[in-house]
């Protein structure tokens, strides 16, 4: 498990900032907060705050990204679990 903490500066937002959680040829949802990557790896995102992960097309295939749009002075913590 990896734990991440992001905080916006007191006079700046994090608008447009994203966290790349996974990349692969195929990313499919597997349930609440969990995705399968290329049918080989399972990624789970956990947070006390609601996350809005998105699967998008990237340069090398598909990407699972988490928008980190935080107002000035706010913070966000989340865990990333990888199951091989």
N, C-alpha and C. Protein backbone atom coordinates (compact mmCIF):
# COMPACT_ATOMS: atom_id res chain seq x y z
N UNK A 1 0.84 -1.18 0.00
CA UNK A 1 0.00 0.00 0.00
C UNK A 1 0.89 1.24 0.00
N UNK A 2 0.47 2.22 -0.75
CA UNK A 2 1.14 3.53 -0.77
C UNK A 2 0.14 4.57 -0.27
N UNK A 3 0.60 5.46 0.57
CA UNK A 3 -0.26 6.54 1.08
C UNK A 3 0.23 7.86 0.49
N UNK A 4 -0.72 8.65 0.00
CA UNK A 4 -0.40 9.94 -0.61
C UNK A 4 -1.14 11.05 0.11
N UNK A 5 -0.48 12.18 0.24
CA UNK A 5 -1.06 13.36 0.85
C UNK A 5 -0.74 14.56 -0.03
N UNK A 6 -1.78 15.29 -0.42
CA UNK A 6 -1.63 16.46 -1.29
C UNK A 6 -2.26 17.65 -0.59
N UNK A 7 -1.58 18.78 -0.62
CA UNK A 7 -2.12 19.99 0.00
C UNK A 7 -1.92 21.16 -0.94
N UNK A 8 -2.99 21.92 -1.15
CA UNK A 8 -2.90 23.14 -1.96
C UNK A 8 -2.32 24.25 -1.09
N UNK A 9 -1.55 25.14 -1.69
CA UNK A 9 -0.99 26.27 -0.96
C UNK A 9 -2.09 27.19 -0.44
N UNK A 10 -1.74 28.03 0.50
CA UNK A 10 -2.72 28.94 1.10
C UNK A 10 -3.30 29.93 0.09
N UNK A 11 -2.54 30.22 -0.96
CA UNK A 11 -3.02 31.19 -1.95
C UNK A 11 -3.06 30.60 -3.36
N UNK A 12 -3.15 29.27 -3.45
CA UNK A 12 -3.19 28.62 -4.77
C UNK A 12 -4.05 27.37 -4.71
N UNK A 13 -4.66 27.04 -5.83
CA UNK A 13 -5.44 25.81 -5.93
C UNK A 13 -4.63 24.77 -6.69
N UNK A 14 -5.14 23.57 -6.75
CA UNK A 14 -4.49 22.52 -7.54
C UNK A 14 -5.31 22.20 -8.79
N UNK A 15 -6.07 23.16 -9.27
CA UNK A 15 -6.94 22.96 -10.44
C UNK A 15 -6.14 22.40 -11.61
N UNK A 16 -6.65 21.33 -12.21
CA UNK A 16 -6.01 20.73 -13.36
C UNK A 16 -4.96 19.68 -13.02
N UNK A 17 -4.58 19.56 -11.76
CA UNK A 17 -3.58 18.58 -11.34
C UNK A 17 -4.22 17.20 -11.24
N UNK A 18 -3.54 16.17 -11.76
CA UNK A 18 -4.04 14.80 -11.67
C UNK A 18 -2.96 13.87 -11.16
N UNK A 19 -3.38 12.75 -10.60
CA UNK A 19 -2.48 11.70 -10.14
C UNK A 19 -2.69 10.50 -11.05
N UNK A 20 -1.61 10.02 -11.68
CA UNK A 20 -1.68 8.85 -12.55
C UNK A 20 -1.56 7.60 -11.68
N UNK A 21 -2.67 6.90 -11.48
CA UNK A 21 -2.69 5.72 -10.62
C UNK A 21 -2.28 4.45 -11.35
N UNK A 22 -2.57 4.38 -12.66
CA UNK A 22 -2.23 3.17 -13.43
C UNK A 22 -2.28 3.49 -14.92
N UNK A 23 -1.54 2.69 -15.69
CA UNK A 23 -1.57 2.79 -17.15
C UNK A 23 -1.47 1.39 -17.73
N UNK A 24 -2.16 1.16 -18.83
CA UNK A 24 -2.11 -0.15 -19.46
C UNK A 24 -2.97 -0.17 -20.71
N UNK A 25 -2.98 -1.30 -21.37
CA UNK A 25 -3.78 -1.44 -22.58
C UNK A 25 -5.26 -1.55 -22.28
N UNK A 26 -5.61 -2.11 -21.11
CA UNK A 26 -7.01 -2.33 -20.75
C UNK A 26 -7.19 -2.04 -19.26
N UNK A 27 -8.09 -1.12 -18.92
CA UNK A 27 -8.40 -0.81 -17.53
C UNK A 27 -9.92 -0.90 -17.37
N UNK A 28 -10.36 -1.81 -16.50
CA UNK A 28 -11.78 -2.06 -16.31
C UNK A 28 -12.16 -1.95 -14.83
N UNK A 29 -13.32 -1.34 -14.52
CA UNK A 29 -13.76 -1.27 -13.13
C UNK A 29 -14.12 -2.66 -12.61
N UNK A 30 -13.81 -2.91 -11.33
CA UNK A 30 -14.09 -4.20 -10.70
C UNK A 30 -14.93 -4.06 -9.44
N UNK A 31 -15.42 -2.90 -9.18
CA UNK A 31 -16.21 -2.69 -7.97
C UNK A 31 -15.85 -1.36 -7.35
N UNK A 32 -16.34 -1.13 -6.17
CA UNK A 32 -16.14 0.14 -5.48
C UNK A 32 -14.66 0.46 -5.29
N UNK A 33 -14.15 1.41 -6.07
CA UNK A 33 -12.77 1.88 -5.92
C UNK A 33 -11.70 0.96 -6.44
N UNK A 34 -12.07 -0.09 -7.21
CA UNK A 34 -11.10 -1.07 -7.69
C UNK A 34 -11.17 -1.21 -9.21
N UNK A 35 -9.99 -1.33 -9.83
CA UNK A 35 -9.88 -1.50 -11.28
C UNK A 35 -8.91 -2.63 -11.60
N UNK A 36 -9.17 -3.31 -12.69
CA UNK A 36 -8.26 -4.33 -13.21
C UNK A 36 -7.44 -3.71 -14.34
N UNK A 37 -6.13 -3.91 -14.30
CA UNK A 37 -5.24 -3.37 -15.33
C UNK A 37 -4.65 -4.54 -16.11
N UNK A 38 -5.01 -4.62 -17.38
CA UNK A 38 -4.54 -5.68 -18.28
C UNK A 38 -4.81 -7.08 -17.73
N UNK A 39 -5.84 -7.22 -16.89
CA UNK A 39 -6.23 -8.50 -16.29
C UNK A 39 -5.08 -9.17 -15.53
N UNK A 40 -4.11 -8.36 -15.09
CA UNK A 40 -2.95 -8.88 -14.36
C UNK A 40 -2.79 -8.23 -12.99
N UNK A 41 -3.20 -6.99 -12.88
CA UNK A 41 -2.99 -6.20 -11.66
C UNK A 41 -4.32 -5.59 -11.24
N UNK A 42 -4.55 -5.54 -9.92
CA UNK A 42 -5.73 -4.89 -9.39
C UNK A 42 -5.31 -3.65 -8.61
N UNK A 43 -5.92 -2.52 -8.92
CA UNK A 43 -5.63 -1.25 -8.27
C UNK A 43 -6.85 -0.85 -7.44
N UNK A 44 -6.64 -0.52 -6.17
CA UNK A 44 -7.72 -0.04 -5.31
C UNK A 44 -7.33 1.32 -4.75
N UNK A 45 -8.24 2.28 -4.86
CA UNK A 45 -8.05 3.63 -4.31
C UNK A 45 -8.98 3.79 -3.12
N UNK A 46 -8.43 4.25 -1.99
CA UNK A 46 -9.20 4.44 -0.76
C UNK A 46 -8.96 5.84 -0.22
N UNK A 47 -10.04 6.48 0.24
CA UNK A 47 -9.90 7.81 0.83
C UNK A 47 -11.11 8.10 1.70
N UNK A 48 -10.92 8.92 2.71
CA UNK A 48 -12.03 9.39 3.51
C UNK A 48 -12.83 10.46 2.76
N UNK A 49 -12.24 11.02 1.73
CA UNK A 49 -12.90 12.01 0.88
C UNK A 49 -13.32 11.33 -0.42
N UNK A 50 -14.39 11.80 -1.04
CA UNK A 50 -14.79 11.19 -2.31
C UNK A 50 -13.75 11.47 -3.41
N UNK A 51 -13.31 10.42 -4.08
CA UNK A 51 -12.40 10.54 -5.22
C UNK A 51 -13.23 10.37 -6.50
N UNK A 52 -12.79 10.96 -7.57
CA UNK A 52 -13.49 10.85 -8.85
C UNK A 52 -12.54 10.33 -9.92
N UNK A 53 -12.02 9.10 -9.78
CA UNK A 53 -11.08 8.57 -10.78
C UNK A 53 -11.73 8.48 -12.16
N UNK A 54 -10.90 8.65 -13.18
CA UNK A 54 -11.36 8.64 -14.56
C UNK A 54 -10.40 7.77 -15.37
N UNK A 55 -10.95 6.97 -16.28
CA UNK A 55 -10.12 6.24 -17.23
C UNK A 55 -10.13 7.04 -18.53
N UNK A 56 -8.93 7.37 -19.02
CA UNK A 56 -8.81 8.17 -20.24
C UNK A 56 -7.80 7.51 -21.18
N UNK A 57 -7.85 7.92 -22.42
CA UNK A 57 -6.87 7.45 -23.40
C UNK A 57 -5.59 8.25 -23.22
N UNK A 58 -4.45 7.55 -23.19
CA UNK A 58 -3.16 8.20 -23.05
C UNK A 58 -2.26 7.83 -24.21
N UNK A 59 -1.05 8.30 -24.19
CA UNK A 59 -0.09 8.08 -25.27
C UNK A 59 0.21 6.59 -25.46
N UNK A 60 0.28 5.82 -24.37
CA UNK A 60 0.64 4.41 -24.47
C UNK A 60 -0.51 3.47 -24.21
N UNK A 61 -1.74 3.94 -24.24
CA UNK A 61 -2.90 3.11 -23.94
C UNK A 61 -3.87 3.86 -23.05
N UNK A 62 -4.44 3.16 -22.09
CA UNK A 62 -5.41 3.78 -21.18
C UNK A 62 -4.73 4.16 -19.87
N UNK A 63 -5.27 5.17 -19.21
CA UNK A 63 -4.72 5.67 -17.95
C UNK A 63 -5.84 5.82 -16.93
N UNK A 64 -5.58 5.42 -15.70
CA UNK A 64 -6.48 5.66 -14.58
C UNK A 64 -5.92 6.85 -13.83
N UNK A 65 -6.65 7.97 -13.86
CA UNK A 65 -6.16 9.19 -13.22
C UNK A 65 -7.16 9.67 -12.17
N UNK A 66 -6.63 10.32 -11.15
CA UNK A 66 -7.43 10.90 -10.08
C UNK A 66 -7.26 12.41 -10.13
N UNK A 67 -8.33 13.17 -10.43
CA UNK A 67 -8.22 14.63 -10.38
C UNK A 67 -7.95 15.09 -8.95
N UNK A 68 -7.04 16.03 -8.80
CA UNK A 68 -6.67 16.55 -7.48
C UNK A 68 -7.04 18.02 -7.37
N UNK A 69 -8.25 18.37 -7.76
CA UNK A 69 -8.72 19.76 -7.72
C UNK A 69 -9.07 20.15 -6.29
N UNK A 70 -8.15 20.84 -5.64
CA UNK A 70 -8.35 21.26 -4.25
C UNK A 70 -8.40 22.77 -4.16
N UNK A 71 -9.31 23.31 -3.35
CA UNK A 71 -9.30 24.75 -3.10
C UNK A 71 -8.06 25.14 -2.29
N UNK A 72 -7.72 26.40 -2.31
CA UNK A 72 -6.56 26.91 -1.56
C UNK A 72 -6.64 26.48 -0.10
N UNK A 73 -5.52 25.97 0.42
CA UNK A 73 -5.43 25.59 1.82
C UNK A 73 -6.00 24.23 2.17
N UNK A 74 -6.64 23.55 1.24
CA UNK A 74 -7.25 22.24 1.51
C UNK A 74 -6.27 21.11 1.24
N UNK A 75 -6.52 19.95 1.84
CA UNK A 75 -5.64 18.80 1.63
C UNK A 75 -6.48 17.55 1.34
N UNK A 76 -5.80 16.55 0.81
CA UNK A 76 -6.44 15.28 0.47
C UNK A 76 -5.44 14.16 0.75
N UNK A 77 -5.91 13.11 1.40
CA UNK A 77 -5.09 11.92 1.62
C UNK A 77 -5.80 10.73 1.00
N UNK A 78 -5.03 9.84 0.36
CA UNK A 78 -5.62 8.62 -0.18
C UNK A 78 -4.58 7.52 -0.22
N UNK A 79 -5.07 6.29 -0.25
CA UNK A 79 -4.22 5.10 -0.32
C UNK A 79 -4.38 4.45 -1.68
N UNK A 80 -3.29 3.89 -2.17
CA UNK A 80 -3.28 3.13 -3.42
C UNK A 80 -2.80 1.72 -3.08
N UNK A 81 -3.66 0.75 -3.32
CA UNK A 81 -3.29 -0.66 -3.09
C UNK A 81 -3.11 -1.34 -4.44
N UNK A 82 -2.03 -2.09 -4.56
CA UNK A 82 -1.73 -2.82 -5.79
C UNK A 82 -1.67 -4.30 -5.46
N UNK A 83 -2.49 -5.07 -6.15
CA UNK A 83 -2.52 -6.52 -5.95
C UNK A 83 -2.04 -7.20 -7.23
N UNK A 84 -0.94 -7.93 -7.14
CA UNK A 84 -0.36 -8.59 -8.32
C UNK A 84 -0.95 -9.96 -8.48
